[in-house]
Structure formats: C-alpha cells, structure tokens
Amino acid sequence: MKRNVKSRLEQQIEFILEIDKLKHVFRKSRLIRSERFENDAEHTWHLTVMAVLLSEHANAPDLSLPKVLKMLLIHDLVEIDAGDTFAYDVKGLEGKYEREQAAANRLFGLLPEDQRAEFMELWEEFEARETNEAKFAAAMDRLQPVLLNCENEGQSWKEHGITSEQVLERNRHIGDGSSALWQHARKLIGRAVEQGFLK
C-alpha cells in the first residue's frame, strides 16, 4: 500500500492554516481604550512594526532586521498549544519552556524539514536571548505591553496587583537590546507610578 506523502506546498499550506489559531489566543492586555483583550496575532503584528521603526535604537549597529522580524513572527506561535502565560504569574511560569518546546516540536514539525529546522533554531535563539537579534526582539516583546498598560492607565497591572518593582524587574531585558528604549520605558513606568496607574 502506497503512503500518502504530502508535497512541500501541502505541508506549508497545512502550517499556514494551523497558525490561524494564533488569532484565538488572548493575552492579558487590552487594546488601547477598549474592553477587548489583545490576541497573539495582533501582538505579533504590533511587535514587527515596532522593530522596523525602532531598530535604529538597537544597541547593536549591525543588527539583522530580517532575522529580528522572523523571530518576532514565530516566537508566540507555540502559544497555540501552550497558551499565553501572564508575565507576572510565577506559578504559571513553572514548566512554561517545556510546554512551549513540545508545542514548537508539533507546530514546526508540520513544515518541510529545512523550514522546520530554521523555525526551531529561530525560536530557540529568541528564547535564549544571547544574540543581538534575540536581545532586540525580546526588547520589543517586553516594551509593547508596557506601552499598552501606560496608555490604558495601568489596566492589567491594576487588575493583577502588579507593583513598579515587578514591572522594572520583568522588563529590564529591554536594556539588553536597547539602552535608549529601556531609559524611555523607565520614564513611562515612573510616570505611571506618579499618576497612580502602578503601585
């Protein structure tokens, strides 16, 4: 009996259809001036636009922007299976990497072998935060929720009783990718405390 082997194109289309599920993964941040929570696909779009606009502020002058964009486009795909873990949920963060690793194996396993290997390498590089590209991509991922919270008068911070110390500790990695953006984020966090949006 002949095995039904999928063509390269069929594998790619299957992956494309599967990642549509990212639109159904909701985060804890609301859209600016809205009651609706942001979904992961919207978050991903926002980060990639931010990276294009803000790459001039990266610590590394020779940053590969295409690589940063690829990382940002795929880094949250694992949440299709693993779900979104709230950044300040200490209990929820336990085992997060293992859950996401299993998700990466399944999702990227849908792709042709060369693309599977590339996506897995990019995802692992993002998670390790050791290269200039990963540091800058992670800076975008940390900065965006800070911006949304500041614009929404500390919405998710207030709802979860988050303090300024927690926000500063969680987001200090922004400085690894961009000192200028970390300095700006710290100003915003300080202003949020002054305005009573953050304890």
N, C-alpha and C. Protein backbone atom coordinates (compact mmCIF):
# COMPACT_ATOMS: atom_id res chain seq x y z
N MET A 1 0.85 -1.20 0.00
CA MET A 1 0.00 0.00 0.00
C MET A 1 0.89 1.25 0.00
N LYS A 2 0.58 2.17 -0.89
CA LYS A 2 1.38 3.38 -1.05
C LYS A 2 1.00 4.42 0.01
N ARG A 3 2.04 4.98 0.69
CA ARG A 3 1.81 6.02 1.70
C ARG A 3 1.49 7.33 1.02
N ASN A 4 0.54 8.07 1.60
CA ASN A 4 0.18 9.38 1.06
C ASN A 4 1.16 10.42 1.63
N VAL A 5 2.19 10.74 0.87
CA VAL A 5 3.20 11.70 1.31
C VAL A 5 2.79 13.09 0.84
N LYS A 6 2.76 14.03 1.77
CA LYS A 6 2.37 15.40 1.42
C LYS A 6 3.51 16.10 0.69
N SER A 7 3.13 16.89 -0.31
CA SER A 7 4.12 17.69 -1.03
C SER A 7 4.59 18.83 -0.14
N ARG A 8 5.69 19.47 -0.53
CA ARG A 8 6.21 20.62 0.20
C ARG A 8 5.14 21.70 0.33
N LEU A 9 4.46 21.99 -0.76
CA LEU A 9 3.42 23.02 -0.74
C LEU A 9 2.28 22.63 0.20
N GLU A 10 1.87 21.37 0.17
CA GLU A 10 0.79 20.92 1.05
C GLU A 10 1.19 21.05 2.53
N GLN A 11 2.44 20.76 2.85
CA GLN A 11 2.92 20.92 4.23
C GLN A 11 2.89 22.40 4.64
N GLN A 12 3.34 23.26 3.73
CA GLN A 12 3.37 24.70 4.03
C GLN A 12 1.95 25.25 4.23
N ILE A 13 1.02 24.83 3.38
CA ILE A 13 -0.38 25.28 3.49
C ILE A 13 -0.99 24.77 4.79
N GLU A 14 -0.71 23.53 5.16
CA GLU A 14 -1.23 22.99 6.42
C GLU A 14 -0.75 23.83 7.60
N PHE A 15 0.52 24.21 7.58
CA PHE A 15 1.10 25.05 8.64
C PHE A 15 0.42 26.42 8.66
N ILE A 16 0.25 27.01 7.50
CA ILE A 16 -0.40 28.33 7.38
C ILE A 16 -1.80 28.30 7.97
N LEU A 17 -2.54 27.25 7.68
CA LEU A 17 -3.90 27.14 8.22
C LEU A 17 -3.87 26.91 9.73
N GLU A 18 -2.91 26.12 10.20
CA GLU A 18 -2.81 25.82 11.64
C GLU A 18 -2.50 27.08 12.45
N ILE A 19 -1.63 27.95 11.92
CA ILE A 19 -1.25 29.13 12.71
C ILE A 19 -2.33 30.20 12.73
N ASP A 20 -3.40 30.01 11.98
CA ASP A 20 -4.55 30.93 12.10
C ASP A 20 -5.10 30.90 13.53
N LYS A 21 -4.85 29.79 14.22
CA LYS A 21 -5.33 29.64 15.61
C LYS A 21 -4.72 30.67 16.55
N LEU A 22 -3.61 31.32 16.14
CA LEU A 22 -2.99 32.34 16.98
C LEU A 22 -3.95 33.50 17.23
N LYS A 23 -4.88 33.71 16.31
CA LYS A 23 -5.86 34.80 16.44
C LYS A 23 -6.84 34.54 17.59
N HIS A 24 -6.87 33.30 18.07
CA HIS A 24 -7.78 32.92 19.15
C HIS A 24 -7.10 32.83 20.51
N VAL A 25 -5.81 33.15 20.55
CA VAL A 25 -5.08 33.13 21.83
C VAL A 25 -5.05 34.56 22.36
N PHE A 26 -5.74 34.76 23.49
CA PHE A 26 -5.86 36.11 24.04
C PHE A 26 -4.89 36.35 25.18
N ARG A 27 -4.38 37.56 25.22
CA ARG A 27 -3.41 37.99 26.22
C ARG A 27 -4.13 38.71 27.36
N LYS A 28 -3.38 39.18 28.34
CA LYS A 28 -3.99 39.89 29.48
C LYS A 28 -4.07 41.40 29.25
N SER A 29 -3.46 41.89 28.16
CA SER A 29 -3.52 43.32 27.85
C SER A 29 -4.72 43.61 26.95
N ARG A 30 -5.38 44.71 27.26
CA ARG A 30 -6.49 45.13 26.40
C ARG A 30 -5.98 46.05 25.30
N LEU A 31 -6.72 46.11 24.21
CA LEU A 31 -6.42 47.09 23.17
C LEU A 31 -6.56 48.48 23.79
N ILE A 32 -5.84 49.44 23.25
CA ILE A 32 -5.89 50.79 23.81
C ILE A 32 -7.32 51.34 23.73
N ARG A 33 -7.78 51.83 24.89
CA ARG A 33 -9.13 52.39 25.03
C ARG A 33 -10.21 51.42 24.51
N SER A 34 -10.10 50.18 24.93
CA SER A 34 -11.06 49.16 24.52
C SER A 34 -11.22 48.14 25.65
N GLU A 35 -12.36 47.50 25.70
CA GLU A 35 -12.59 46.44 26.68
C GLU A 35 -12.10 45.09 26.17
N ARG A 36 -11.79 45.02 24.87
CA ARG A 36 -11.37 43.73 24.28
C ARG A 36 -9.90 43.46 24.55
N PHE A 37 -9.61 42.19 24.89
CA PHE A 37 -8.22 41.78 25.08
C PHE A 37 -7.54 41.62 23.73
N GLU A 38 -6.25 41.90 23.71
CA GLU A 38 -5.42 41.74 22.52
C GLU A 38 -5.19 40.25 22.28
N ASN A 39 -5.23 39.83 21.01
CA ASN A 39 -4.87 38.44 20.73
C ASN A 39 -3.41 38.38 20.28
N ASP A 40 -2.86 37.17 20.27
CA ASP A 40 -1.44 36.98 19.98
C ASP A 40 -1.06 37.43 18.56
N ALA A 41 -1.97 37.27 17.61
CA ALA A 41 -1.66 37.68 16.23
C ALA A 41 -1.53 39.20 16.16
N GLU A 42 -2.39 39.91 16.87
CA GLU A 42 -2.30 41.38 16.91
C GLU A 42 -1.02 41.82 17.60
N HIS A 43 -0.69 41.13 18.68
CA HIS A 43 0.55 41.42 19.41
C HIS A 43 1.76 41.24 18.48
N THR A 44 1.77 40.16 17.73
CA THR A 44 2.87 39.86 16.81
C THR A 44 3.00 40.94 15.74
N TRP A 45 1.88 41.35 15.16
CA TRP A 45 1.91 42.42 14.15
C TRP A 45 2.49 43.70 14.75
N HIS A 46 2.05 44.04 15.94
CA HIS A 46 2.48 45.27 16.58
C HIS A 46 3.99 45.24 16.82
N LEU A 47 4.50 44.11 17.29
CA LEU A 47 5.94 43.98 17.57
C LEU A 47 6.78 44.13 16.31
N THR A 48 6.32 43.54 15.21
CA THR A 48 7.11 43.61 13.98
C THR A 48 7.16 45.03 13.44
N VAL A 49 6.06 45.76 13.54
CA VAL A 49 6.07 47.16 13.11
C VAL A 49 6.99 47.97 14.03
N MET A 50 6.92 47.71 15.33
CA MET A 50 7.80 48.39 16.28
C MET A 50 9.27 48.15 15.93
N ALA A 51 9.61 46.90 15.62
CA ALA A 51 11.01 46.56 15.30
C ALA A 51 11.50 47.32 14.08
N VAL A 52 10.65 47.43 13.06
CA VAL A 52 11.02 48.18 11.86
C VAL A 52 11.28 49.65 12.21
N LEU A 53 10.40 50.23 13.00
CA LEU A 53 10.51 51.65 13.34
C LEU A 53 11.65 51.93 14.32
N LEU A 54 11.86 51.04 15.27
CA LEU A 54 12.77 51.32 16.39
C LEU A 54 14.15 50.69 16.27
N SER A 55 14.41 49.96 15.19
CA SER A 55 15.70 49.27 15.07
C SER A 55 16.89 50.22 15.11
N GLU A 56 16.67 51.48 14.76
CA GLU A 56 17.77 52.46 14.81
C GLU A 56 18.24 52.71 16.25
N HIS A 57 17.43 52.30 17.24
CA HIS A 57 17.78 52.49 18.65
C HIS A 57 18.41 51.24 19.28
N ALA A 58 18.63 50.21 18.46
CA ALA A 58 19.23 48.97 18.98
C ALA A 58 20.66 49.23 19.45
N ASN A 59 21.07 48.51 20.47
CA ASN A 59 22.45 48.62 20.95
C ASN A 59 23.45 48.18 19.89
N ALA A 60 23.08 47.17 19.10
CA ALA A 60 23.98 46.62 18.08
C ALA A 60 23.79 47.37 16.75
N PRO A 61 24.83 48.01 16.25
CA PRO A 61 24.69 48.76 15.00
C PRO A 61 24.53 47.88 13.76
N ASP A 62 24.99 46.63 13.85
CA ASP A 62 24.94 45.73 12.68
C ASP A 62 23.82 44.70 12.80
N LEU A 63 22.75 45.08 13.43
CA LEU A 63 21.60 44.20 13.66
C LEU A 63 21.02 43.70 12.33
N SER A 64 20.69 42.41 12.27
CA SER A 64 19.99 41.86 11.09
C SER A 64 18.49 41.99 11.32
N LEU A 65 17.90 43.04 10.75
CA LEU A 65 16.46 43.27 10.95
C LEU A 65 15.61 42.13 10.39
N PRO A 66 15.93 41.58 9.20
CA PRO A 66 15.12 40.44 8.73
C PRO A 66 15.06 39.28 9.73
N LYS A 67 16.19 39.02 10.39
CA LYS A 67 16.22 37.93 11.38
C LYS A 67 15.36 38.29 12.59
N VAL A 68 15.43 39.54 13.04
CA VAL A 68 14.59 40.00 14.15
C VAL A 68 13.12 39.81 13.79
N LEU A 69 12.74 40.21 12.59
CA LEU A 69 11.34 40.11 12.18
C LEU A 69 10.88 38.66 12.12
N LYS A 70 11.73 37.78 11.62
CA LYS A 70 11.37 36.34 11.60
C LYS A 70 11.14 35.83 13.02
N MET A 71 12.03 36.20 13.93
CA MET A 71 11.87 35.76 15.32
C MET A 71 10.54 36.25 15.90
N LEU A 72 10.25 37.52 15.66
CA LEU A 72 9.02 38.08 16.22
C LEU A 72 7.78 37.44 15.60
N LEU A 73 7.85 37.11 14.33
CA LEU A 73 6.69 36.49 13.67
C LEU A 73 6.39 35.09 14.18
N ILE A 74 7.43 34.37 14.61
CA ILE A 74 7.18 32.98 15.02
C ILE A 74 7.24 32.74 16.52
N HIS A 75 7.77 33.68 17.31
CA HIS A 75 8.07 33.35 18.72
C HIS A 75 6.84 32.98 19.54
N ASP A 76 5.68 33.54 19.23
CA ASP A 76 4.48 33.23 20.01
C ASP A 76 3.60 32.14 19.40
N LEU A 77 4.00 31.58 18.26
CA LEU A 77 3.19 30.52 17.65
C LEU A 77 3.00 29.35 18.60
N VAL A 78 3.98 29.12 19.46
CA VAL A 78 3.90 28.00 20.41
C VAL A 78 2.71 28.15 21.36
N GLU A 79 2.22 29.37 21.51
CA GLU A 79 1.09 29.59 22.42
C GLU A 79 -0.22 29.03 21.88
N ILE A 80 -0.23 28.63 20.60
CA ILE A 80 -1.40 27.93 20.04
C ILE A 80 -1.68 26.69 20.87
N ASP A 81 -0.62 25.96 21.24
CA ASP A 81 -0.76 24.76 22.06
C ASP A 81 -0.55 25.05 23.55
N ALA A 82 0.45 25.87 23.85
CA ALA A 82 0.85 26.08 25.25
C ALA A 82 0.01 27.14 25.96
N GLY A 83 -0.69 27.98 25.21
CA GLY A 83 -1.47 29.07 25.80
C GLY A 83 -0.57 30.22 26.20
N ASP A 84 -1.18 31.37 26.46
CA ASP A 84 -0.44 32.54 26.91
C ASP A 84 -0.29 32.47 28.41
N THR A 85 0.93 32.68 28.89
CA THR A 85 1.18 32.72 30.34
C THR A 85 1.40 34.17 30.73
N PHE A 86 0.60 34.65 31.68
CA PHE A 86 0.74 36.03 32.14
C PHE A 86 2.14 36.24 32.69
N ALA A 87 2.77 37.31 32.25
CA ALA A 87 4.18 37.59 32.55
C ALA A 87 4.51 37.58 34.04
N TYR A 88 3.53 37.93 34.88
CA TYR A 88 3.79 38.04 36.32
C TYR A 88 3.23 36.87 37.13
N ASP A 89 2.79 35.82 36.43
CA ASP A 89 2.23 34.64 37.08
C ASP A 89 3.36 33.66 37.39
N VAL A 90 3.91 33.75 38.59
CA VAL A 90 5.07 32.94 38.97
C VAL A 90 4.74 31.45 38.87
N LYS A 91 3.57 31.05 39.34
CA LYS A 91 3.16 29.64 39.30
C LYS A 91 2.99 29.18 37.86
N GLY A 92 2.34 30.01 37.05
CA GLY A 92 2.10 29.67 35.65
C GLY A 92 3.36 29.56 34.82
N LEU A 93 4.40 30.28 35.24
CA LEU A 93 5.67 30.26 34.51
C LEU A 93 6.45 28.96 34.72
N GLU A 94 6.08 28.20 35.78
CA GLU A 94 6.73 26.91 36.02
C GLU A 94 6.39 25.95 34.88
N GLY A 95 7.42 25.37 34.28
CA GLY A 95 7.21 24.42 33.18
C GLY A 95 6.84 25.06 31.86
N LYS A 96 6.87 26.39 31.80
CA LYS A 96 6.49 27.11 30.57
C LYS A 96 7.37 26.69 29.39
N TYR A 97 8.69 26.66 29.61
CA TYR A 97 9.58 26.33 28.50
C TYR A 97 9.29 24.93 27.96
N GLU A 98 9.07 23.97 28.85
CA GLU A 98 8.80 22.59 28.43
C GLU A 98 7.49 22.51 27.64
N ARG A 99 6.46 23.22 28.09
CA ARG A 99 5.19 23.24 27.36
C ARG A 99 5.38 23.84 25.97
N GLU A 100 6.14 24.92 25.92
CA GLU A 100 6.35 25.61 24.64
C GLU A 100 7.26 24.80 23.72
N GLN A 101 8.22 24.09 24.29
CA GLN A 101 9.11 23.23 23.49
C GLN A 101 8.29 22.14 22.79
N ALA A 102 7.38 21.51 23.53
CA ALA A 102 6.51 20.48 22.95
C ALA A 102 5.64 21.08 21.83
N ALA A 103 5.15 22.30 22.06
CA ALA A 103 4.34 22.98 21.05
C ALA A 103 5.16 23.29 19.81
N ALA A 104 6.39 23.75 20.01
CA ALA A 104 7.28 24.06 18.88
C ALA A 104 7.54 22.80 18.06
N ASN A 105 7.78 21.69 18.74
CA ASN A 105 8.03 20.43 18.04
C ASN A 105 6.84 20.04 17.17
N ARG A 106 5.64 20.17 17.71
CA ARG A 106 4.45 19.80 16.93
C ARG A 106 4.20 20.76 15.78
N LEU A 107 4.17 22.06 16.10
CA LEU A 107 3.82 23.05 15.08
C LEU A 107 4.85 23.13 13.97
N PHE A 108 6.11 23.28 14.34
CA PHE A 108 7.15 23.39 13.32
C PHE A 108 7.36 22.06 12.60
N GLY A 109 6.95 20.97 13.26
CA GLY A 109 7.01 19.65 12.64
C GLY A 109 6.07 19.49 11.46
N LEU A 110 5.13 20.39 11.31
CA LEU A 110 4.22 20.36 10.16
C LEU A 110 4.93 20.82 8.87
N LEU A 111 6.02 21.56 9.03
CA LEU A 111 6.72 22.17 7.90
C LEU A 111 7.68 21.19 7.22
N PRO A 112 8.07 21.51 5.98
CA PRO A 112 9.16 20.75 5.35
C PRO A 112 10.41 20.84 6.23
N GLU A 113 11.26 19.83 6.17
CA GLU A 113 12.38 19.70 7.10
C GLU A 113 13.27 20.93 7.20
N ASP A 114 13.63 21.56 6.10
CA ASP A 114 14.52 22.72 6.15
C ASP A 114 13.88 23.89 6.86
N GLN A 115 12.59 24.12 6.61
CA GLN A 115 11.88 25.21 7.28
C GLN A 115 11.60 24.87 8.74
N ARG A 116 11.33 23.61 9.02
CA ARG A 116 11.16 23.18 10.42
C ARG A 116 12.42 23.50 11.22
N ALA A 117 13.58 23.14 10.65
CA ALA A 117 14.85 23.37 11.34
C ALA A 117 15.10 24.87 11.53
N GLU A 118 14.82 25.68 10.50
CA GLU A 118 15.03 27.12 10.60
C GLU A 118 14.14 27.74 11.68
N PHE A 119 12.86 27.38 11.69
CA PHE A 119 11.92 27.95 12.66
C PHE A 119 12.30 27.54 14.07
N MET A 120 12.70 26.28 14.24
CA MET A 120 13.08 25.80 15.56
C MET A 120 14.32 26.55 16.06
N GLU A 121 15.28 26.73 15.19
CA GLU A 121 16.50 27.47 15.56
C GLU A 121 16.19 28.91 15.94
N LEU A 122 15.32 29.56 15.17
CA LEU A 122 14.94 30.94 15.47
C LEU A 122 14.21 31.03 16.79
N TRP A 123 13.29 30.09 17.04
CA TRP A 123 12.53 30.11 18.29
C TRP A 123 13.48 29.90 19.48
N GLU A 124 14.39 28.95 19.36
CA GLU A 124 15.34 28.69 20.45
C GLU A 124 16.28 29.88 20.66
N GLU A 125 16.69 30.53 19.58
CA GLU A 125 17.55 31.71 19.68
C GLU A 125 16.83 32.84 20.41
N PHE A 126 15.56 33.03 20.08
CA PHE A 126 14.76 34.06 20.76
C PHE A 126 14.67 33.76 22.25
N GLU A 127 14.39 32.51 22.59
CA GLU A 127 14.24 32.11 23.99
C GLU A 127 15.54 32.29 24.77
N ALA A 128 16.68 32.03 24.13
CA ALA A 128 17.97 32.11 24.82
C ALA A 128 18.41 33.56 25.06
N ARG A 129 17.97 34.47 24.24
CA ARG A 129 18.29 35.91 24.36
C ARG A 129 19.79 36.17 24.48
N GLU A 130 20.58 35.50 23.64
CA GLU A 130 22.03 35.68 23.69
C GLU A 130 22.58 36.49 22.52
N THR A 131 21.96 36.40 21.35
CA THR A 131 22.44 37.14 20.18
C THR A 131 21.87 38.56 20.18
N ASN A 132 22.48 39.44 19.43
CA ASN A 132 21.98 40.82 19.33
C ASN A 132 20.55 40.85 18.81
N GLU A 133 20.26 39.99 17.83
CA GLU A 133 18.91 39.95 17.25
C GLU A 133 17.88 39.48 18.27
N ALA A 134 18.23 38.44 19.03
CA ALA A 134 17.31 37.93 20.05
C ALA A 134 17.09 38.95 21.16
N LYS A 135 18.15 39.65 21.55
CA LYS A 135 18.02 40.67 22.59
C LYS A 135 17.10 41.79 22.14
N PHE A 136 17.24 42.21 20.88
CA PHE A 136 16.39 43.30 20.40
C PHE A 136 14.95 42.82 20.21
N ALA A 137 14.77 41.62 19.68
CA ALA A 137 13.42 41.07 19.53
C ALA A 137 12.73 40.96 20.89
N ALA A 138 13.47 40.49 21.90
CA ALA A 138 12.90 40.38 23.25
C ALA A 138 12.57 41.76 23.82
N ALA A 139 13.38 42.76 23.47
CA ALA A 139 13.10 44.13 23.92
C ALA A 139 11.76 44.61 23.37
N MET A 140 11.47 44.29 22.13
CA MET A 140 10.18 44.67 21.54
C MET A 140 9.04 43.96 22.28
N ASP A 141 9.25 42.68 22.56
CA ASP A 141 8.23 41.87 23.23
C ASP A 141 7.94 42.37 24.64
N ARG A 142 8.93 42.93 25.31
CA ARG A 142 8.74 43.46 26.66
C ARG A 142 8.20 44.89 26.64
N LEU A 143 8.65 45.68 25.66
CA LEU A 143 8.25 47.09 25.61
C LEU A 143 6.77 47.26 25.26
N GLN A 144 6.27 46.45 24.34
CA GLN A 144 4.90 46.65 23.85
C GLN A 144 3.84 46.58 24.96
N PRO A 145 3.87 45.60 25.87
CA PRO A 145 2.87 45.59 26.95
C PRO A 145 3.01 46.78 27.90
N VAL A 146 4.24 47.26 28.09
CA VAL A 146 4.44 48.46 28.92
C VAL A 146 3.73 49.65 28.28
N LEU A 147 3.89 49.79 26.97
CA LEU A 147 3.24 50.89 26.25
C LEU A 147 1.72 50.80 26.37
N LEU A 148 1.18 49.58 26.17
CA LEU A 148 -0.28 49.40 26.25
C LEU A 148 -0.78 49.72 27.66
N ASN A 149 -0.08 49.22 28.67
CA ASN A 149 -0.50 49.47 30.05
C ASN A 149 -0.46 50.96 30.39
N CYS A 150 0.57 51.64 29.94
CA CYS A 150 0.66 53.08 30.21
C CYS A 150 -0.48 53.84 29.54
N GLU A 151 -0.82 53.45 28.34
CA GLU A 151 -1.92 54.10 27.61
C GLU A 151 -3.28 53.76 28.20
N ASN A 152 -3.37 52.57 28.83
CA ASN A 152 -4.64 52.11 29.40
C ASN A 152 -4.72 52.33 30.91
N GLU A 153 -3.95 53.30 31.40
CA GLU A 153 -3.97 53.67 32.82
C GLU A 153 -3.68 52.47 33.73
N GLY A 154 -2.73 51.63 33.28
CA GLY A 154 -2.28 50.51 34.11
C GLY A 154 -3.25 49.36 34.21
N GLN A 155 -4.12 49.19 33.22
CA GLN A 155 -5.21 48.22 33.28
C GLN A 155 -4.81 46.85 33.80
N SER A 156 -3.90 46.14 33.12
CA SER A 156 -3.59 44.78 33.58
C SER A 156 -2.73 44.80 34.84
N TRP A 157 -1.94 45.85 35.03
CA TRP A 157 -1.18 45.97 36.28
C TRP A 157 -2.13 46.08 37.48
N LYS A 158 -3.12 46.96 37.35
CA LYS A 158 -4.09 47.15 38.44
C LYS A 158 -4.89 45.88 38.71
N GLU A 159 -5.37 45.26 37.64
CA GLU A 159 -6.21 44.06 37.78
C GLU A 159 -5.50 42.92 38.49
N HIS A 160 -4.17 42.89 38.38
CA HIS A 160 -3.42 41.77 38.96
C HIS A 160 -2.53 42.20 40.12
N GLY A 161 -2.70 43.45 40.58
CA GLY A 161 -1.95 43.94 41.74
C GLY A 161 -0.45 43.98 41.54
N ILE A 162 -0.01 44.35 40.34
CA ILE A 162 1.41 44.37 40.00
C ILE A 162 2.05 45.67 40.50
N THR A 163 3.27 45.57 41.00
CA THR A 163 3.99 46.74 41.53
C THR A 163 5.04 47.23 40.52
N SER A 164 5.50 48.45 40.75
CA SER A 164 6.53 49.01 39.87
C SER A 164 7.82 48.17 39.93
N GLU A 165 8.14 47.62 41.11
CA GLU A 165 9.33 46.78 41.24
C GLU A 165 9.23 45.56 40.33
N GLN A 166 8.04 44.95 40.29
CA GLN A 166 7.83 43.79 39.42
C GLN A 166 7.97 44.17 37.95
N VAL A 167 7.41 45.31 37.58
CA VAL A 167 7.47 45.76 36.18
C VAL A 167 8.92 46.06 35.79
N LEU A 168 9.65 46.72 36.66
CA LEU A 168 11.05 47.03 36.37
C LEU A 168 11.89 45.76 36.26
N GLU A 169 11.68 44.82 37.15
CA GLU A 169 12.44 43.57 37.13
C GLU A 169 12.11 42.76 35.87
N ARG A 170 10.84 42.63 35.56
CA ARG A 170 10.40 41.85 34.40
C ARG A 170 10.93 42.43 33.10
N ASN A 171 11.00 43.75 33.01
CA ASN A 171 11.29 44.39 31.73
C ASN A 171 12.71 44.92 31.57
N ARG A 172 13.57 44.66 32.56
CA ARG A 172 14.94 45.18 32.48
C ARG A 172 15.69 44.65 31.26
N HIS A 173 15.23 43.52 30.69
CA HIS A 173 15.87 42.96 29.50
C HIS A 173 15.75 43.88 28.29
N ILE A 174 14.84 44.83 28.35
CA ILE A 174 14.75 45.81 27.25
C ILE A 174 16.12 46.45 27.04
N GLY A 175 16.80 46.76 28.13
CA GLY A 175 18.11 47.40 28.06
C GLY A 175 19.18 46.57 27.37
N ASP A 176 19.02 45.23 27.37
CA ASP A 176 19.97 44.37 26.66
C ASP A 176 19.89 44.58 25.16
N GLY A 177 18.70 44.92 24.68
CA GLY A 177 18.52 45.16 23.25
C GLY A 177 18.65 46.61 22.86
N SER A 178 18.25 47.50 23.79
CA SER A 178 18.30 48.94 23.51
C SER A 178 18.32 49.73 24.81
N SER A 179 19.46 50.33 25.09
CA SER A 179 19.57 51.18 26.28
C SER A 179 18.63 52.37 26.19
N ALA A 180 18.50 52.93 25.00
CA ALA A 180 17.64 54.10 24.80
C ALA A 180 16.18 53.77 25.08
N LEU A 181 15.73 52.61 24.61
CA LEU A 181 14.34 52.21 24.82
C LEU A 181 14.08 51.85 26.28
N TRP A 182 15.07 51.28 26.97
CA TRP A 182 14.92 50.97 28.39
C TRP A 182 14.83 52.26 29.20
N GLN A 183 15.63 53.23 28.84
CA GLN A 183 15.58 54.53 29.52
C GLN A 183 14.19 55.15 29.34
N HIS A 184 13.66 55.05 28.13
CA HIS A 184 12.32 55.60 27.87
C HIS A 184 11.25 54.82 28.65
N ALA A 185 11.38 53.50 28.64
CA ALA A 185 10.40 52.66 29.36
C ALA A 185 10.41 52.98 30.85
N ARG A 186 11.59 53.21 31.42
CA ARG A 186 11.68 53.54 32.84
C ARG A 186 11.00 54.88 33.14
N LYS A 187 11.13 55.82 32.23
CA LYS A 187 10.42 57.10 32.40
C LYS A 187 8.91 56.88 32.41
N LEU A 188 8.43 56.05 31.49
CA LEU A 188 6.99 55.76 31.40
C LEU A 188 6.50 55.07 32.67
N ILE A 189 7.29 54.11 33.17
CA ILE A 189 6.92 53.38 34.38
C ILE A 189 6.89 54.34 35.57
N GLY A 190 7.87 55.23 35.65
CA GLY A 190 7.90 56.24 36.72
C GLY A 190 6.69 57.15 36.66
N ARG A 191 6.31 57.55 35.45
CA ARG A 191 5.14 58.41 35.27
C ARG A 191 3.87 57.67 35.66
N ALA A 192 3.82 56.36 35.35
CA ALA A 192 2.65 55.54 35.71
C ALA A 192 2.49 55.48 37.23
N VAL A 193 3.61 55.41 37.94
CA VAL A 193 3.56 55.41 39.41
C VAL A 193 3.04 56.76 39.90
N GLU A 194 3.56 57.85 39.36
CA GLU A 194 3.13 59.20 39.76
C GLU A 194 1.64 59.41 39.52
N GLN A 195 1.13 58.85 38.42
CA GLN A 195 -0.28 59.02 38.07
C GLN A 195 -1.20 58.03 38.78
N GLY A 196 -0.61 57.11 39.55
CA GLY A 196 -1.42 56.15 40.29
C GLY A 196 -1.87 54.95 39.47
N PHE A 197 -1.23 54.75 38.29
CA PHE A 197 -1.59 53.61 37.46
C PHE A 197 -0.86 52.34 37.90
N LEU A 198 0.16 52.53 38.75
CA LEU A 198 1.01 51.43 39.16
C LEU A 198 1.46 51.67 40.60
N LYS A 199 1.40 50.63 41.41
CA LYS A 199 1.79 50.76 42.83
C LYS A 199 3.29 50.88 42.98
